[in-house]
C-alpha cells in the first residue's frame, strides 16, 4: 500500500468516525473539492465543514466500498452510500433541505490526489438528480413520451 492509499484510508476512517480533527489534519490547506452541481469548495475549512454538515444531516450512514485503487498520487473509490435524511442539510450551493426521514441510497465515485501525505484534490461523481428525487420525491428526470426517445438498450 502506498502513501496515497494510506492517507485516503485514514481520511475515510476519520469521516466514518466523525473525527473532525483527524479529517482536517489529512486535508491540505488549499484542498479543492468538486462535485456535481457544479460545486467547487476551496480550502481545508470549507471541505471539512461540508463533511461535518453532511454527517450531521444523514443518520445511520453506511458505506459499502466496491473499488479502492491507487496509482501514484491518485486514489479512486467507488461505493454505495445508504443513510437516513434526519436533519436539515445545507448543500454546497447553499440550498437548505429540511429533514424528510427518507432513506437514500446512492452510488458514488471519488477521485483523490494526495501529495506529501495530504489530500489536495477530491472530485466526486454521482447522479445528483437521483439523490434529489429520493430526498424530495420530485421526478428524477423529466418524463419522455416521444417515440424517438433513446432506449436504455439501444446502442
Foldseek 3Di string as FASTA:
>chain_A
DDLLLVLVVQLVVCLVVVVLVSNLVQADQFAWEAEPVGAIDTGSVRVSVLSNLVDVQWPPKDKDWDDWDDDVQKIKTKIKIKTFRHAWHQDSVGDTQGGDRFIDIWIKMWMFGHDPRHTRYIYMYTLVLRRVCRRPVDDSDDDDDDPPDDDPPDD
